[in-house]
Amino acid sequence: MFATKQIRLPYITLLFFSAAPLFAQAPEGPQAPLPGVQVQQTPPEVLSKLTARVTLVTTPVTVRDPSGAMIHSLDQQDFVITDNDIPQKIIHFEVGGDPLSIVVAVETSTRIDPLLPQLRKLGILFTEQVLGPEAEAAVIGFDDSVHRLQGFTRSHDSVEAAFAGLKTTDSGHRLFDAMAEGVALLSDRHKPTTENPVPGRRVLLVISEALDSGSESKLGEVLRQAQLQNITIFSIGLSSIRGELQSKPRDNAPVPIAPPGISTLPGPPGTVPIPSNTEPPSGVDLIALAQILVEHTKSAETKRALELGAVATGGSYYSTFKGRTIESALDEIGGELHSQYMISYSPPRSDDGNDFGYHKISVTIVPDKSQGRKISSRPGYYIPPPAN
């Protein structure tokens, strides 16, 4: 922990999504969405006039040894962090102990009908492996519109009921609008105060196919706001093709001897499973692409939007197309989420007052502790210039 002190902070103008008030006062228990009613969007002309200030930058950091196992034994003094190559003073350091708020955005398009039975059973696994006893969660569904399924609650029963009641409605797929709504909701949680300038953890978990159709929101704007609000995006990529194959079992198909996501085959002696968080390399520099999208607030013509969200914010993407099940992906996310180091610092202020543009974040381990360890964190954030 750290002693609270007065910090002079730079004021900047930026765009951000306004969280809908109805989520802040949501009662416990699943809330049935009104048919045909979309979540109201804030007009762009209003967004352009809103101002906020950057008070803190928090980056999640995952450290693995050469075998892929996560390392939890490092201390604050073992890390070096820079912002635009300027060394920063770490003012908050924690491993899994900060208050946690999670928004789950789950696809409810008819495209994932074959996967619906699996998705409805995820509630218990989510509350036990990801949420934990003290965290809060909200659940939204999306197809051709964005629906509130459950407001923020600490009730495991309510979250599990929201998953169990998932229904598909139409074939729309407004992924970016759902991500924007999740970011807006999280932006209103754990706001920093004078007494407690470090907010709790904010996580957006997206369970969806990696495609978008008809969203008003742009992926770049969503990622920009997630970075400025210190929101980490984790995602599970669904495969409707695989779901269709799984929904048509052969007459002579073997009967599984374990629940979905549980492997019955032992690995080689002495080995540790290494998660494969992304698809095989395709020659695309996702970090560079994420920076371009954030700077220009555009949407990429790519099927890797979920990966870009994870890369841009320090989270992880888990594909379920080959080998991995939805259940095992969720279990891996829970393990990683509660093993990340959270490092916070106050952003620098230049002498000329011009702090606009892209800020590159670099996190390294001191040489005597690096020893082949692999470190991953968010690459940076973008401060837009003042609106005219």
Protein backbone atom coordinates (compact mmCIF):
# COMPACT_ATOMS: atom_id res chain seq x y z
CA MET A 1 0.00 0.00 0.00
CA PHE A 2 1.10 3.62 -0.08
CA ALA A 3 0.64 6.85 1.81
CA THR A 4 -1.96 9.21 0.39
CA LYS A 5 -0.51 12.53 -0.73
CA GLN A 6 -1.59 15.48 -2.80
CA ILE A 7 -0.65 15.03 -6.46
CA ARG A 8 -0.77 17.71 -9.11
CA LEU A 9 -2.45 16.18 -12.08
CA PRO A 10 -2.78 17.27 -15.72
CA TYR A 11 -6.18 18.14 -17.09
CA ILE A 12 -6.99 16.91 -20.56
CA THR A 13 -9.99 16.83 -22.84
CA LEU A 14 -11.07 13.44 -23.99
CA LEU A 15 -14.06 11.55 -25.25
CA PHE A 16 -15.67 8.96 -23.05
CA PHE A 17 -18.83 6.96 -22.80
CA SER A 18 -21.40 7.97 -20.23
CA ALA A 19 -22.61 5.08 -18.08
CA ALA A 20 -26.38 4.67 -18.07
CA PRO A 21 -27.78 5.61 -14.62
CA LEU A 22 -30.11 2.63 -14.60
CA PHE A 23 -27.14 0.26 -14.15
CA ALA A 24 -25.86 2.00 -11.05
CA GLN A 25 -29.11 1.36 -9.17
CA ALA A 26 -29.88 -2.08 -10.57
CA PRO A 27 -31.62 -4.44 -8.15
CA GLU A 28 -30.33 -7.94 -7.63
CA GLY A 29 -31.78 -10.68 -9.77
CA PRO A 30 -32.01 -11.09 -13.54
CA GLN A 31 -33.68 -8.23 -15.37
CA ALA A 32 -35.65 -9.18 -18.48
CA PRO A 33 -34.85 -6.80 -21.38
CA LEU A 34 -37.77 -5.05 -23.01
CA PRO A 35 -38.41 -6.44 -26.51
CA GLY A 36 -37.01 -4.21 -29.24
CA VAL A 37 -35.54 -1.67 -26.78
CA GLN A 38 -31.91 -0.81 -27.32
CA VAL A 39 -29.53 0.66 -24.77
CA GLN A 40 -29.63 4.41 -25.32
CA GLN A 41 -26.48 5.86 -26.90
CA THR A 42 -25.00 9.21 -25.87
CA PRO A 43 -25.12 11.66 -28.82
CA PRO A 44 -21.67 12.36 -30.33
CA GLU A 45 -22.14 16.13 -30.00
CA VAL A 46 -22.55 15.68 -26.24
CA LEU A 47 -19.53 13.43 -25.95
CA SER A 48 -17.32 16.00 -27.66
CA LYS A 49 -18.05 18.56 -24.93
CA LEU A 50 -17.31 16.31 -21.96
CA THR A 51 -14.06 16.71 -20.07
CA ALA A 52 -12.18 14.59 -17.59
CA ARG A 53 -8.73 14.36 -16.17
CA VAL A 54 -6.12 11.62 -16.22
CA THR A 55 -5.35 10.97 -12.56
CA LEU A 56 -3.77 7.56 -12.70
CA VAL A 57 -2.53 4.98 -15.16
CA THR A 58 -2.78 1.34 -14.12
CA THR A 59 -1.36 -1.52 -16.12
CA PRO A 60 -1.94 -5.21 -15.45
CA VAL A 61 1.27 -7.22 -15.74
CA THR A 62 1.50 -10.98 -16.27
CA VAL A 63 4.83 -12.70 -15.70
CA ARG A 64 5.55 -16.30 -16.75
CA ASP A 65 8.61 -18.48 -16.42
CA PRO A 66 10.12 -20.29 -19.44
CA SER A 67 7.72 -23.22 -18.94
CA GLY A 68 4.65 -20.95 -19.05
CA ALA A 69 3.80 -21.04 -15.34
CA MET A 70 2.72 -17.72 -13.83
CA ILE A 71 5.05 -16.11 -11.28
CA HIS A 72 3.57 -14.48 -8.16
CA SER A 73 6.67 -13.87 -6.02
CA LEU A 74 7.95 -10.57 -7.44
CA ASP A 75 7.87 -7.33 -5.44
CA GLN A 76 7.34 -3.70 -6.41
CA GLN A 77 11.08 -3.00 -6.56
CA ASP A 78 11.49 -5.77 -9.15
CA PHE A 79 9.64 -3.76 -11.82
CA VAL A 80 10.68 -0.77 -13.90
CA ILE A 81 7.97 1.18 -15.70
CA THR A 82 8.31 4.05 -18.19
CA ASP A 83 5.82 6.36 -19.90
CA ASN A 84 7.17 7.63 -23.25
CA ASP A 85 10.59 6.43 -22.09
CA ILE A 86 10.39 8.51 -18.89
CA PRO A 87 10.85 6.40 -15.70
CA GLN A 88 7.80 6.50 -13.43
CA LYS A 89 7.38 6.22 -9.69
CA ILE A 90 5.09 3.33 -8.78
CA ILE A 91 2.45 4.61 -6.36
CA HIS A 92 0.35 1.45 -6.10
CA PHE A 93 1.31 -2.21 -6.37
CA GLU A 94 -1.02 -5.16 -5.79
CA VAL A 95 -1.45 -8.80 -6.77
CA GLY A 96 -5.13 -9.77 -6.94
CA GLY A 97 -6.18 -7.85 -3.85
CA ASP A 98 -7.92 -4.77 -5.28
CA PRO A 99 -11.74 -4.56 -5.38
CA LEU A 100 -12.95 -6.11 -8.65
CA SER A 101 -15.82 -5.14 -10.96
CA ILE A 102 -16.54 -7.24 -14.06
CA VAL A 103 -18.95 -6.73 -16.93
CA VAL A 104 -19.64 -9.85 -18.98
CA ALA A 105 -20.76 -9.13 -22.54
CA VAL A 106 -22.10 -12.35 -24.05
CA GLU A 107 -23.37 -12.84 -27.60
CA THR A 108 -27.06 -13.70 -27.82
CA SER A 109 -27.30 -13.84 -31.61
CA THR A 110 -29.10 -16.80 -33.17
CA ARG A 111 -25.74 -17.62 -34.75
CA ILE A 112 -24.65 -19.21 -31.47
CA ASP A 113 -27.80 -21.30 -30.93
CA PRO A 114 -25.76 -24.54 -30.97
CA LEU A 115 -23.57 -23.17 -28.16
CA LEU A 116 -26.43 -21.88 -26.00
CA PRO A 117 -26.60 -24.96 -23.70
CA GLN A 118 -22.89 -24.53 -22.89
CA LEU A 119 -23.20 -20.79 -22.29
CA ARG A 120 -26.14 -21.28 -19.92
CA LYS A 121 -23.99 -23.54 -17.73
CA LEU A 122 -21.11 -21.07 -17.42
CA GLY A 123 -22.58 -19.17 -14.48
CA ILE A 124 -21.28 -21.43 -11.71
CA LEU A 125 -17.81 -21.67 -13.25
CA PHE A 126 -17.70 -17.90 -13.69
CA THR A 127 -18.70 -17.11 -10.10
CA GLU A 128 -16.32 -19.67 -8.61
CA GLN A 129 -13.23 -19.30 -10.82
CA VAL A 130 -13.42 -15.67 -11.97
CA LEU A 131 -15.66 -13.63 -9.70
CA GLY A 132 -14.71 -14.91 -6.25
CA PRO A 133 -16.41 -14.05 -2.95
CA GLU A 134 -16.01 -10.24 -2.87
CA ALA A 135 -16.19 -9.03 -6.48
CA GLU A 136 -19.23 -7.64 -8.31
CA ALA A 137 -20.45 -8.41 -11.81
CA ALA A 138 -22.97 -7.26 -14.38
CA VAL A 139 -24.13 -9.22 -17.44
CA ILE A 140 -25.20 -7.81 -20.79
CA GLY A 141 -26.29 -9.66 -23.92
CA PHE A 142 -26.07 -8.41 -27.47
CA ASP A 143 -27.38 -9.24 -30.92
CA ASP A 144 -28.94 -6.49 -33.04
CA SER A 145 -29.14 -4.44 -29.85
CA VAL A 146 -27.58 -4.44 -26.37
CA HIS A 147 -29.65 -5.82 -23.49
CA ARG A 148 -29.20 -5.57 -19.75
CA LEU A 149 -29.50 -9.04 -18.25
CA GLN A 150 -28.15 -8.33 -14.76
CA GLY A 151 -27.03 -5.11 -13.07
CA PHE A 152 -23.99 -5.00 -10.81
CA THR A 153 -24.35 -7.45 -7.95
CA ARG A 154 -22.23 -9.54 -5.60
CA SER A 155 -24.90 -12.24 -5.53
CA HIS A 156 -23.58 -15.41 -7.16
CA ASP A 157 -27.10 -16.76 -7.47
CA SER A 158 -28.20 -13.71 -9.46
CA VAL A 159 -25.24 -13.90 -11.83
CA GLU A 160 -25.74 -17.63 -12.34
CA ALA A 161 -29.44 -17.06 -13.03
CA ALA A 162 -28.56 -14.47 -15.68
CA PHE A 163 -26.40 -17.04 -17.48
CA ALA A 164 -29.02 -19.77 -17.09
CA GLY A 165 -31.66 -17.51 -18.63
CA LEU A 166 -29.71 -16.61 -21.76
CA LYS A 167 -31.88 -16.50 -24.88
CA THR A 168 -31.13 -15.79 -28.52
CA THR A 169 -33.34 -13.34 -30.40
CA ASP A 170 -32.06 -12.36 -33.85
CA SER A 171 -28.97 -12.71 -36.02
CA GLY A 172 -27.55 -9.22 -35.39
CA HIS A 173 -24.09 -8.83 -33.90
CA ARG A 174 -23.32 -5.39 -32.46
CA LEU A 175 -20.10 -6.41 -30.77
CA PHE A 176 -18.51 -2.95 -30.62
CA ASP A 177 -21.67 -1.38 -29.19
CA ALA A 178 -21.71 -4.04 -26.46
CA MET A 179 -18.03 -3.41 -25.68
CA ALA A 180 -18.72 0.33 -25.54
CA GLU A 181 -21.58 -0.21 -23.11
CA GLY A 182 -19.40 -2.45 -20.94
CA VAL A 183 -16.67 0.21 -20.81
CA ALA A 184 -19.25 2.88 -19.93
CA LEU A 185 -20.64 0.81 -17.07
CA LEU A 186 -17.20 0.06 -15.65
CA SER A 187 -16.13 3.70 -15.91
CA ASP A 188 -18.63 4.48 -13.16
CA ARG A 189 -17.29 1.86 -10.73
CA HIS A 190 -14.61 2.42 -8.08
CA LYS A 191 -14.09 6.06 -8.96
CA PRO A 192 -10.91 7.48 -7.37
CA THR A 193 -11.34 9.87 -4.45
CA THR A 194 -9.01 12.08 -2.41
CA GLU A 195 -8.99 9.48 0.34
CA ASN A 196 -8.55 6.57 -2.07
CA PRO A 197 -6.97 7.80 -5.33
CA VAL A 198 -6.46 4.27 -6.67
CA PRO A 199 -9.64 2.74 -8.10
CA GLY A 200 -10.40 -0.97 -7.95
CA ARG A 201 -9.89 -3.29 -10.90
CA ARG A 202 -12.22 -2.96 -13.87
CA VAL A 203 -12.55 -5.91 -16.25
CA LEU A 204 -14.61 -6.43 -19.38
CA LEU A 205 -15.08 -10.09 -20.33
CA VAL A 206 -16.38 -10.63 -23.86
CA ILE A 207 -17.76 -14.04 -24.88
CA SER A 208 -18.51 -13.80 -28.57
CA GLU A 209 -17.62 -14.50 -32.15
CA ALA A 210 -14.95 -12.14 -33.45
CA LEU A 211 -17.17 -10.16 -35.81
CA ASP A 212 -19.27 -7.02 -35.76
CA SER A 213 -22.29 -5.95 -37.78
CA GLY A 214 -24.07 -2.60 -37.59
CA SER A 215 -22.46 -1.08 -34.50
CA GLU A 216 -22.52 2.68 -34.12
CA SER A 217 -19.40 2.52 -31.95
CA LYS A 218 -15.93 2.27 -33.45
CA LEU A 219 -13.47 -0.27 -32.09
CA GLY A 220 -10.71 2.33 -31.82
CA GLU A 221 -12.86 4.61 -29.67
CA VAL A 222 -13.85 1.71 -27.43
CA LEU A 223 -10.20 0.74 -26.90
CA ARG A 224 -9.19 4.37 -26.29
CA GLN A 225 -11.75 4.72 -23.52
CA ALA A 226 -10.85 1.35 -22.02
CA GLN A 227 -7.21 2.44 -21.82
CA LEU A 228 -8.01 5.83 -20.28
CA GLN A 229 -10.36 4.20 -17.75
CA ASN A 230 -7.82 1.48 -16.85
CA ILE A 231 -10.17 -1.28 -18.01
CA THR A 232 -8.72 -4.66 -18.91
CA ILE A 233 -10.41 -6.69 -21.65
CA PHE A 234 -10.43 -10.49 -21.62
CA SER A 235 -12.20 -12.36 -24.40
CA ILE A 236 -13.30 -15.85 -25.36
CA GLY A 237 -13.71 -16.33 -29.09
CA LEU A 238 -16.72 -18.48 -29.93
CA SER A 239 -16.93 -20.59 -33.08
CA SER A 240 -20.44 -21.07 -34.47
CA ILE A 241 -19.01 -23.62 -36.93
CA ARG A 242 -17.60 -25.71 -34.14
CA GLY A 243 -20.87 -25.34 -32.26
CA GLU A 244 -22.83 -26.72 -35.20
CA LEU A 245 -20.51 -29.71 -35.40
CA GLN A 246 -20.81 -30.35 -31.67
CA SER A 247 -24.61 -30.13 -31.83
CA LYS A 248 -24.77 -33.02 -34.32
CA PRO A 249 -23.19 -36.00 -32.54
CA ARG A 250 -22.57 -39.18 -34.48
CA ASP A 251 -24.58 -42.27 -33.59
CA ASN A 252 -21.36 -44.08 -32.72
CA ALA A 253 -19.69 -41.12 -30.98
CA PRO A 254 -17.87 -42.10 -27.75
CA VAL A 255 -19.53 -41.11 -24.49
CA PRO A 256 -17.42 -38.53 -22.59
CA ILE A 257 -16.19 -39.68 -19.18
CA ALA A 258 -15.61 -36.18 -17.80
CA PRO A 259 -17.47 -32.85 -17.86
CA PRO A 260 -16.73 -30.40 -20.69
CA GLY A 261 -13.37 -28.64 -20.25
CA ILE A 262 -11.87 -31.43 -18.10
CA SER A 263 -9.11 -33.38 -19.80
CA THR A 264 -8.82 -37.09 -19.05
CA LEU A 265 -5.41 -37.45 -20.70
CA PRO A 266 -2.35 -36.79 -18.50
CA GLY A 267 0.41 -34.59 -19.87
CA PRO A 268 4.06 -35.64 -20.04
CA PRO A 269 5.71 -36.01 -16.61
CA GLY A 270 7.09 -32.76 -15.22
CA THR A 271 5.42 -30.46 -17.74
CA VAL A 272 3.20 -27.44 -17.12
CA PRO A 273 0.36 -26.61 -19.53
CA ILE A 274 1.18 -23.48 -21.50
CA PRO A 275 -1.89 -21.51 -22.58
CA SER A 276 -2.12 -20.54 -26.22
CA ASN A 277 -3.82 -17.17 -26.01
CA THR A 278 -3.90 -16.35 -29.69
CA GLU A 279 -4.30 -17.89 -33.08
CA PRO A 280 -1.13 -18.78 -35.03
CA PRO A 281 0.77 -15.66 -36.17
CA SER A 282 -0.56 -14.14 -39.37
CA GLY A 283 2.10 -11.50 -39.91
CA VAL A 284 -0.06 -8.80 -38.30
CA ASP A 285 1.52 -6.66 -35.58
CA LEU A 286 -1.47 -6.46 -33.25
CA ILE A 287 0.15 -3.91 -30.92
CA ALA A 288 0.87 -1.55 -33.82
CA LEU A 289 -2.62 -2.07 -35.24
CA ALA A 290 -4.18 -1.39 -31.85
CA GLN A 291 -2.24 1.86 -31.58
CA ILE A 292 -3.45 3.00 -35.01
CA LEU A 293 -7.06 2.21 -34.12
CA VAL A 294 -6.82 4.04 -30.80
CA GLU A 295 -5.23 7.12 -32.34
CA HIS A 296 -7.73 7.38 -35.19
CA THR A 297 -10.77 5.85 -33.41
CA LYS A 298 -11.58 3.60 -36.33
CA SER A 299 -12.67 -0.01 -36.70
CA ALA A 300 -10.34 -2.54 -38.26
CA GLU A 301 -11.41 -4.64 -41.20
CA THR A 302 -10.27 -7.72 -39.36
CA LYS A 303 -11.60 -10.84 -37.67
CA ARG A 304 -9.20 -10.25 -34.78
CA ALA A 305 -11.14 -7.55 -32.93
CA LEU A 306 -11.24 -9.62 -29.73
CA GLU A 307 -7.48 -10.11 -29.81
CA LEU A 308 -6.95 -6.40 -30.42
CA GLY A 309 -9.06 -5.55 -27.37
CA ALA A 310 -6.98 -7.85 -25.18
CA VAL A 311 -3.64 -6.67 -26.57
CA ALA A 312 -4.53 -2.99 -26.21
CA THR A 313 -5.54 -3.27 -22.53
CA GLY A 314 -3.25 -5.93 -21.07
CA GLY A 315 -5.79 -8.75 -21.04
CA SER A 316 -5.83 -12.04 -22.95
CA TYR A 317 -7.74 -13.63 -25.80
CA TYR A 318 -8.66 -17.32 -25.78
CA SER A 319 -9.89 -19.00 -28.94
CA THR A 320 -12.18 -22.03 -28.72
CA PHE A 321 -11.95 -23.00 -32.36
CA LYS A 322 -9.27 -25.66 -31.90
CA GLY A 323 -8.81 -27.81 -28.84
CA ARG A 324 -9.84 -25.45 -26.05
CA THR A 325 -13.41 -25.50 -24.73
CA ILE A 326 -15.36 -22.49 -23.51
CA GLU A 327 -15.14 -23.89 -19.98
CA SER A 328 -11.38 -24.34 -20.03
CA ALA A 329 -10.93 -20.84 -21.50
CA LEU A 330 -12.97 -19.33 -18.67
CA ASP A 331 -10.97 -21.30 -16.12
CA GLU A 332 -7.70 -20.02 -17.61
CA ILE A 333 -8.96 -16.45 -17.51
CA GLY A 334 -9.79 -16.84 -13.82
CA GLY A 335 -6.28 -18.10 -13.11
CA GLU A 336 -4.63 -15.26 -15.02
CA LEU A 337 -6.92 -12.53 -13.72
CA HIS A 338 -6.09 -13.31 -10.09
CA SER A 339 -2.35 -13.68 -10.78
CA GLN A 340 -1.69 -10.36 -12.50
CA TYR A 341 0.36 -7.64 -10.87
CA MET A 342 -1.42 -4.28 -10.88
CA ILE A 343 1.03 -1.38 -11.19
CA SER A 344 -0.13 2.25 -11.01
CA TYR A 345 1.60 5.58 -11.53
CA SER A 346 0.65 9.22 -12.01
CA PRO A 347 1.14 10.24 -15.66
CA PRO A 348 3.83 12.81 -16.45
CA ARG A 349 3.17 16.42 -17.33
CA SER A 350 5.41 18.04 -19.91
CA ASP A 351 6.92 21.48 -19.37
CA ASP A 352 4.99 22.97 -22.29
CA GLY A 353 1.68 21.44 -21.12
CA ASN A 354 1.31 19.45 -24.32
CA ASP A 355 0.67 15.90 -23.13
CA PHE A 356 -1.53 14.94 -26.05
CA GLY A 357 -0.87 12.02 -28.34
CA TYR A 358 0.05 8.40 -27.79
CA HIS A 359 1.85 7.46 -24.58
CA LYS A 360 3.87 4.26 -24.79
CA ILE A 361 4.02 2.19 -21.61
CA SER A 362 6.97 -0.13 -21.04
CA VAL A 363 7.21 -2.54 -18.11
CA THR A 364 10.37 -4.56 -17.50
CA ILE A 365 11.86 -6.65 -14.72
CA VAL A 366 15.18 -5.69 -13.14
CA PRO A 367 18.05 -7.71 -14.68
CA ASP A 368 18.81 -9.88 -11.65
CA LYS A 369 15.18 -11.09 -11.57
CA SER A 370 14.42 -11.41 -15.32
CA GLN A 371 16.11 -14.80 -15.95
CA GLY A 372 14.22 -15.68 -19.11
CA ARG A 373 10.86 -14.68 -17.71
CA LYS A 374 8.24 -13.43 -20.15
CA ILE A 375 6.30 -10.31 -19.26
CA SER A 376 3.13 -8.93 -20.87
CA SER A 377 1.28 -5.68 -20.17
CA ARG A 378 -0.77 -3.00 -21.91
CA PRO A 379 1.21 -1.10 -24.58
CA GLY A 380 0.00 2.44 -23.88
CA TYR A 381 -2.83 4.96 -24.07
CA TYR A 382 -3.82 7.95 -26.19
CA ILE A 383 -4.71 11.45 -24.99
CA PRO A 384 -6.72 13.34 -27.63
CA PRO A 385 -6.15 17.05 -28.20
CA PRO A 386 -8.76 19.55 -26.97
CA ALA A 387 -11.97 19.66 -29.00
CA ASN A 388 -12.45 22.82 -31.08
